[in-house]
Amino acid sequence: MKLAFNTWVYSSFPVWVPAYPLEEVIKRIARIGYDGIEIGAASPHAYPEYLNKERRREIRQILDDNGLALSSMLPAPGGGPGFNVASANPLERAGAIDQYKQVAELCAEWGGKTLLYVAGWQVYGTSREQAWAWSREALSEIADFARPLGITVAVEPTSSDSNLVDDCDDLIAMLAQVDRPNVKAMFDTFHTLYRSEVPTDYVHRLGRDLTHIHLADVNREPPGSGVVDYRSLLDALKSEGFDGYLTMEIGFNRRNVEPDDMARRAHDYIRSLLA
């Protein structure tokens, strides 16, 4: 298993500060000892429409020079454009799908192989069945676009933020209905905490469909500072043959954080359990 770090806490999403240029973040994450970096597709880091060809080549070179792999990428749902794939507004759904496609292309260009998919959210006045159908259709289209690029789409339940793919049962159902070879599962320990679920249950139920994982403790604190039993989680992952990235997605929900400290504490704690 390899360790990666999500860039949100170093960026301007969803909290505006602290914020650092992407090249600075890559160098810091590499110095701490991570194997990979998960880059959020938001400004100032990697909003596709703001990156010209020269800038894209520059970032790829910086990743290579620092020996840091691109573990995965993800769009930034919410805010001005919304990017809700389950929106009642067809223009928003189309814009969200286009954004995922742009991020998939950028991910492949930078050597990544995993695109995270947030299934959207049900807006008042839209039935759950309709919102689910729109999300399923969007995921199918995105997966078909991503497959020739060598990109796997990892569906994430986001129960603390949304209301559509909310738990492990929803996740399994979405994968079965979409039925694409490059659509797999992921989960975030922070969201399992929100639902008072046991992370190891996800590991065993998802089995070989589990391709990615986010680690975070209570209040998006680094692993080891809250209530998640990470030793049991890692044992379960080993027993199921998981060999993907353990990605820290921490600290981005507030301003009063020191990103390097959080990244280092998370890295050192999980490394110690893997030793």
Protein backbone atom coordinates (compact mmCIF):
# COMPACT_ATOMS: atom_id res chain seq x y z
CA MET A 1 0.00 0.00 0.00
CA LYS A 2 1.19 3.49 -0.86
CA LEU A 3 0.55 6.83 0.84
CA ALA A 4 -0.83 9.91 -0.89
CA PHE A 5 -1.97 13.35 0.24
CA ASN A 6 -4.96 15.33 -0.98
CA THR A 7 -4.22 18.98 -1.83
CA TRP A 8 -7.39 20.64 -0.50
CA VAL A 9 -5.78 21.83 2.76
CA TYR A 10 -3.09 23.61 0.72
CA SER A 11 -5.55 25.14 -1.75
CA SER A 12 -8.49 27.54 -1.80
CA PHE A 13 -11.26 24.93 -1.70
CA PRO A 14 -13.55 24.95 0.14
CA VAL A 15 -11.88 27.36 2.62
CA TRP A 16 -9.93 30.11 0.90
CA VAL A 17 -6.79 30.05 3.04
CA PRO A 18 -4.20 28.74 3.61
CA ALA A 19 -3.34 28.55 -0.09
CA TYR A 20 -0.10 27.67 -1.87
CA PRO A 21 0.93 27.28 -5.53
CA LEU A 22 0.72 23.69 -6.74
CA GLU A 23 4.47 23.41 -7.40
CA GLU A 24 5.14 24.35 -3.77
CA VAL A 25 2.67 21.76 -2.54
CA ILE A 26 4.22 19.02 -4.68
CA LYS A 27 7.68 19.75 -3.24
CA ARG A 28 6.41 19.76 0.35
CA ILE A 29 4.47 16.53 0.00
CA ALA A 30 7.47 14.84 -1.59
CA ARG A 31 9.84 16.03 1.16
CA ILE A 32 7.57 14.60 3.85
CA GLY A 33 7.86 11.20 2.19
CA TYR A 34 4.58 10.53 0.40
CA ASP A 35 4.46 8.26 -2.62
CA GLY A 36 1.69 10.15 -4.38
CA ILE A 37 -0.44 13.26 -4.45
CA GLU A 38 -4.18 13.61 -5.02
CA ILE A 39 -4.79 16.89 -6.82
CA GLY A 40 -8.10 18.68 -6.52
CA ALA A 41 -9.23 20.31 -9.77
CA ALA A 42 -9.81 23.78 -8.37
CA SER A 43 -7.98 27.09 -8.61
CA PRO A 44 -5.22 27.92 -7.74
CA HIS A 45 -4.03 24.36 -8.39
CA ALA A 46 -5.63 22.54 -11.28
CA TYR A 47 -8.83 23.99 -12.68
CA PRO A 48 -8.54 22.62 -16.23
CA GLU A 49 -9.69 25.75 -18.07
CA TYR A 50 -7.00 27.81 -16.33
CA LEU A 51 -4.13 25.54 -17.40
CA ASN A 52 -2.53 26.11 -20.78
CA LYS A 53 -0.30 23.51 -22.46
CA GLU A 54 2.90 25.03 -21.09
CA ARG A 55 1.61 25.00 -17.51
CA ARG A 56 0.44 21.39 -17.87
CA ARG A 57 3.88 20.31 -19.07
CA GLU A 58 5.50 22.25 -16.24
CA ILE A 59 3.45 20.51 -13.54
CA ARG A 60 4.14 17.07 -15.06
CA GLN A 61 7.86 17.84 -14.97
CA ILE A 62 7.70 19.00 -11.35
CA LEU A 63 5.93 15.78 -10.36
CA ASP A 64 8.61 13.73 -12.13
CA ASP A 65 11.49 15.77 -10.70
CA ASN A 66 10.18 15.21 -7.17
CA GLY A 67 9.48 11.50 -7.63
CA LEU A 68 5.82 11.99 -6.77
CA ALA A 69 3.10 10.06 -8.58
CA LEU A 70 -0.33 11.47 -9.30
CA SER A 71 -2.46 9.06 -7.29
CA SER A 72 -5.79 10.54 -8.35
CA MET A 73 -7.76 13.66 -9.21
CA LEU A 74 -11.18 14.98 -8.30
CA PRO A 75 -13.38 17.91 -9.33
CA ALA A 76 -14.67 20.49 -6.87
CA PRO A 77 -18.48 20.15 -6.71
CA GLY A 78 -20.49 23.05 -5.34
CA GLY A 79 -19.90 26.77 -5.51
CA GLY A 80 -20.74 28.90 -8.54
CA PRO A 81 -21.08 26.31 -11.32
CA GLY A 82 -22.47 23.65 -8.96
CA PHE A 83 -21.23 20.66 -10.97
CA ASN A 84 -24.06 18.57 -9.52
CA VAL A 85 -24.51 15.57 -11.82
CA ALA A 86 -27.96 15.03 -10.25
CA SER A 87 -29.20 18.59 -10.80
CA ALA A 88 -32.67 19.23 -12.18
CA ASN A 89 -31.05 21.78 -14.50
CA PRO A 90 -29.89 19.98 -17.66
CA LEU A 91 -27.30 22.67 -18.35
CA GLU A 92 -25.73 22.10 -14.95
CA ARG A 93 -25.69 18.33 -15.48
CA ALA A 94 -24.04 18.79 -18.86
CA GLY A 95 -21.50 21.20 -17.35
CA ALA A 96 -20.72 18.74 -14.56
CA ILE A 97 -20.17 15.89 -17.01
CA ASP A 98 -17.93 18.09 -19.14
CA GLN A 99 -15.92 19.06 -16.05
CA TYR A 100 -15.37 15.40 -15.14
CA LYS A 101 -14.20 14.71 -18.70
CA GLN A 102 -11.75 17.60 -18.56
CA VAL A 103 -10.37 16.38 -15.25
CA ALA A 104 -10.07 12.84 -16.64
CA GLU A 105 -7.98 14.16 -19.56
CA LEU A 106 -5.79 16.19 -17.21
CA CYS A 107 -5.35 13.22 -14.89
CA ALA A 108 -4.16 11.04 -17.76
CA GLU A 109 -1.87 13.80 -19.03
CA TRP A 110 -0.15 13.95 -15.63
CA GLY A 111 0.21 10.17 -15.39
CA GLY A 112 -2.72 9.47 -13.07
CA LYS A 113 -5.10 6.54 -13.37
CA THR A 114 -7.93 7.33 -10.91
CA LEU A 115 -10.73 9.90 -11.13
CA LEU A 116 -12.97 10.32 -8.10
CA TYR A 117 -16.71 10.59 -8.67
CA VAL A 118 -19.12 12.34 -6.29
CA ALA A 119 -22.61 11.20 -7.25
CA GLY A 120 -24.23 14.59 -6.71
CA TRP A 121 -27.09 15.48 -4.43
CA GLN A 122 -30.86 15.44 -4.47
CA VAL A 123 -32.30 18.94 -4.54
CA TYR A 124 -35.69 19.68 -2.97
CA GLY A 125 -38.45 19.04 -5.49
CA THR A 126 -36.55 16.27 -7.29
CA SER A 127 -37.39 12.69 -6.38
CA ARG A 128 -34.59 10.46 -5.19
CA GLU A 129 -35.30 8.08 -8.06
CA GLN A 130 -34.88 10.83 -10.64
CA ALA A 131 -31.73 12.24 -9.04
CA TRP A 132 -30.28 8.73 -8.87
CA ALA A 133 -31.07 8.12 -12.56
CA TRP A 134 -29.36 11.35 -13.62
CA SER A 135 -26.29 10.49 -11.56
CA ARG A 136 -26.18 6.96 -12.97
CA GLU A 137 -26.43 8.27 -16.54
CA ALA A 138 -23.67 10.81 -15.89
CA LEU A 139 -21.39 8.20 -14.37
CA SER A 140 -21.91 5.88 -17.33
CA GLU A 141 -21.02 8.64 -19.81
CA ILE A 142 -17.97 9.74 -17.80
CA ALA A 143 -16.73 6.16 -17.43
CA ASP A 144 -17.07 5.49 -21.16
CA PHE A 145 -15.09 8.65 -21.89
CA ALA A 146 -12.41 7.83 -19.32
CA ARG A 147 -11.84 4.20 -20.28
CA PRO A 148 -9.74 4.82 -23.43
CA LEU A 149 -7.61 7.19 -21.35
CA GLY A 150 -6.77 4.37 -18.95
CA ILE A 151 -8.71 6.04 -16.15
CA THR A 152 -10.66 4.20 -13.46
CA VAL A 153 -13.60 6.12 -11.97
CA ALA A 154 -13.89 5.63 -8.21
CA VAL A 155 -17.34 6.33 -6.75
CA GLU A 156 -17.26 7.86 -3.27
CA PRO A 157 -20.14 7.88 -0.74
CA THR A 158 -20.19 11.39 0.78
CA SER A 159 -22.79 11.16 3.51
CA SER A 160 -21.65 14.16 5.56
CA ASP A 161 -21.97 16.44 2.51
CA SER A 162 -24.65 14.97 0.24
CA ASN A 163 -27.65 12.66 0.20
CA LEU A 164 -27.57 10.37 -2.84
CA VAL A 165 -24.80 7.75 -2.69
CA ASP A 166 -24.83 7.77 1.07
CA ASP A 167 -23.54 4.43 2.31
CA CYS A 168 -22.04 1.10 1.28
CA ASP A 169 -25.36 -0.28 0.03
CA ASP A 170 -25.87 2.74 -2.25
CA LEU A 171 -22.31 2.38 -3.51
CA ILE A 172 -22.72 -1.30 -4.35
CA ALA A 173 -26.05 -0.59 -6.08
CA MET A 174 -24.57 2.20 -8.22
CA LEU A 175 -21.66 0.04 -9.33
CA ALA A 176 -24.00 -2.81 -10.26
CA GLN A 177 -26.35 -0.58 -12.26
CA VAL A 178 -23.60 1.21 -14.18
CA ASP A 179 -21.74 -2.07 -14.77
CA ARG A 180 -18.58 -0.67 -16.36
CA PRO A 181 -15.20 -2.39 -15.94
CA ASN A 182 -13.50 0.90 -15.08
CA VAL A 183 -16.01 1.95 -12.42
CA LYS A 184 -14.86 0.94 -8.96
CA ALA A 185 -15.45 1.88 -5.32
CA MET A 186 -13.80 4.02 -2.69
CA PHE A 187 -14.71 5.33 0.73
CA ASP A 188 -13.62 7.96 3.23
CA THR A 189 -13.30 7.12 6.92
CA PHE A 190 -14.62 10.59 7.77
CA HIS A 191 -17.92 9.81 6.06
CA THR A 192 -18.16 6.41 7.75
CA LEU A 193 -17.76 8.21 11.08
CA TYR A 194 -20.64 10.54 10.15
CA ARG A 195 -22.90 7.52 9.77
CA SER A 196 -21.42 5.68 12.77
CA GLU A 197 -20.33 2.87 10.44
CA VAL A 198 -17.34 0.55 10.74
CA PRO A 199 -14.70 1.17 8.03
CA THR A 200 -13.58 -2.47 7.94
CA ASP A 201 -17.11 -3.47 6.91
CA TYR A 202 -16.65 -1.44 3.71
CA VAL A 203 -13.35 -3.16 3.02
CA HIS A 204 -14.77 -6.66 3.29
CA ARG A 205 -18.04 -5.92 1.49
CA LEU A 206 -16.37 -4.16 -1.43
CA GLY A 207 -13.48 -6.60 -1.78
CA ARG A 208 -11.72 -6.31 -5.13
CA ASP A 209 -14.02 -3.46 -6.20
CA LEU A 210 -12.27 -1.20 -3.67
CA THR A 211 -9.67 0.81 -5.59
CA HIS A 212 -9.05 3.92 -3.46
CA ILE A 213 -9.50 5.17 0.09
CA HIS A 214 -9.50 8.46 1.98
CA LEU A 215 -8.25 8.57 5.56
CA ALA A 216 -9.40 11.24 8.01
CA ASP A 217 -10.40 11.25 11.64
CA VAL A 218 -12.91 13.30 13.61
CA ASN A 219 -13.20 16.89 12.30
CA ARG A 220 -10.85 16.01 9.42
CA GLU A 221 -7.97 15.55 11.84
CA PRO A 222 -4.97 13.41 10.82
CA PRO A 223 -5.24 9.65 11.35
CA GLY A 224 -4.28 8.66 14.86
CA SER A 225 -5.82 11.69 16.55
CA GLY A 226 -9.42 10.48 16.87
CA VAL A 227 -11.49 7.33 17.12
CA VAL A 228 -10.91 5.36 13.89
CA ASP A 229 -9.23 1.99 14.45
CA TYR A 230 -6.60 2.28 11.73
CA ARG A 231 -4.69 -0.83 12.75
CA SER A 232 -7.77 -2.97 12.13
CA LEU A 233 -8.49 -1.07 8.92
CA LEU A 234 -5.01 -1.73 7.53
CA ASP A 235 -5.22 -5.39 8.55
CA ALA A 236 -8.54 -5.69 6.69
CA LEU A 237 -7.08 -4.01 3.60
CA LYS A 238 -4.11 -6.39 3.63
CA SER A 239 -6.40 -9.41 3.98
CA GLU A 240 -8.39 -8.30 0.92
CA GLY A 241 -5.27 -7.70 -1.14
CA PHE A 242 -5.71 -3.93 -1.44
CA ASP A 243 -2.64 -2.38 -3.07
CA GLY A 244 -3.88 1.12 -3.87
CA TYR A 245 -3.26 4.50 -2.30
CA LEU A 246 -4.14 5.41 1.28
CA THR A 247 -4.89 9.08 0.73
CA MET A 248 -5.05 11.63 3.54
CA GLU A 249 -7.91 14.08 2.99
CA ILE A 250 -7.63 16.21 6.09
CA GLY A 251 -7.76 19.71 7.54
CA PHE A 252 -9.48 21.46 4.64
CA ASN A 253 -12.72 22.25 6.49
CA ARG A 254 -11.32 25.22 8.44
CA ARG A 255 -8.69 27.95 8.34
CA ASN A 256 -6.84 27.32 11.63
CA VAL A 257 -4.59 24.52 10.38
CA GLU A 258 -0.91 24.09 9.62
CA PRO A 259 -0.88 21.96 6.46
CA ASP A 260 2.68 20.66 6.74
CA ASP A 261 2.12 19.56 10.32
CA MET A 262 -1.06 17.71 9.40
CA ALA A 263 0.57 16.05 6.42
CA ARG A 264 3.59 14.97 8.44
CA ARG A 265 1.60 13.62 11.38
CA ALA A 266 -0.68 11.62 9.09
CA HIS A 267 2.26 10.24 7.11
CA ASP A 268 4.31 9.24 10.14
CA TYR A 269 1.41 7.58 11.92
CA ILE A 270 0.24 5.44 9.00
CA ARG A 271 3.82 4.58 7.98
CA SER A 272 4.43 3.32 11.54
CA LEU A 273 1.42 0.99 11.28
CA LEU A 274 2.57 -0.34 7.90
CA ALA A 275 6.14 -0.98 9.09
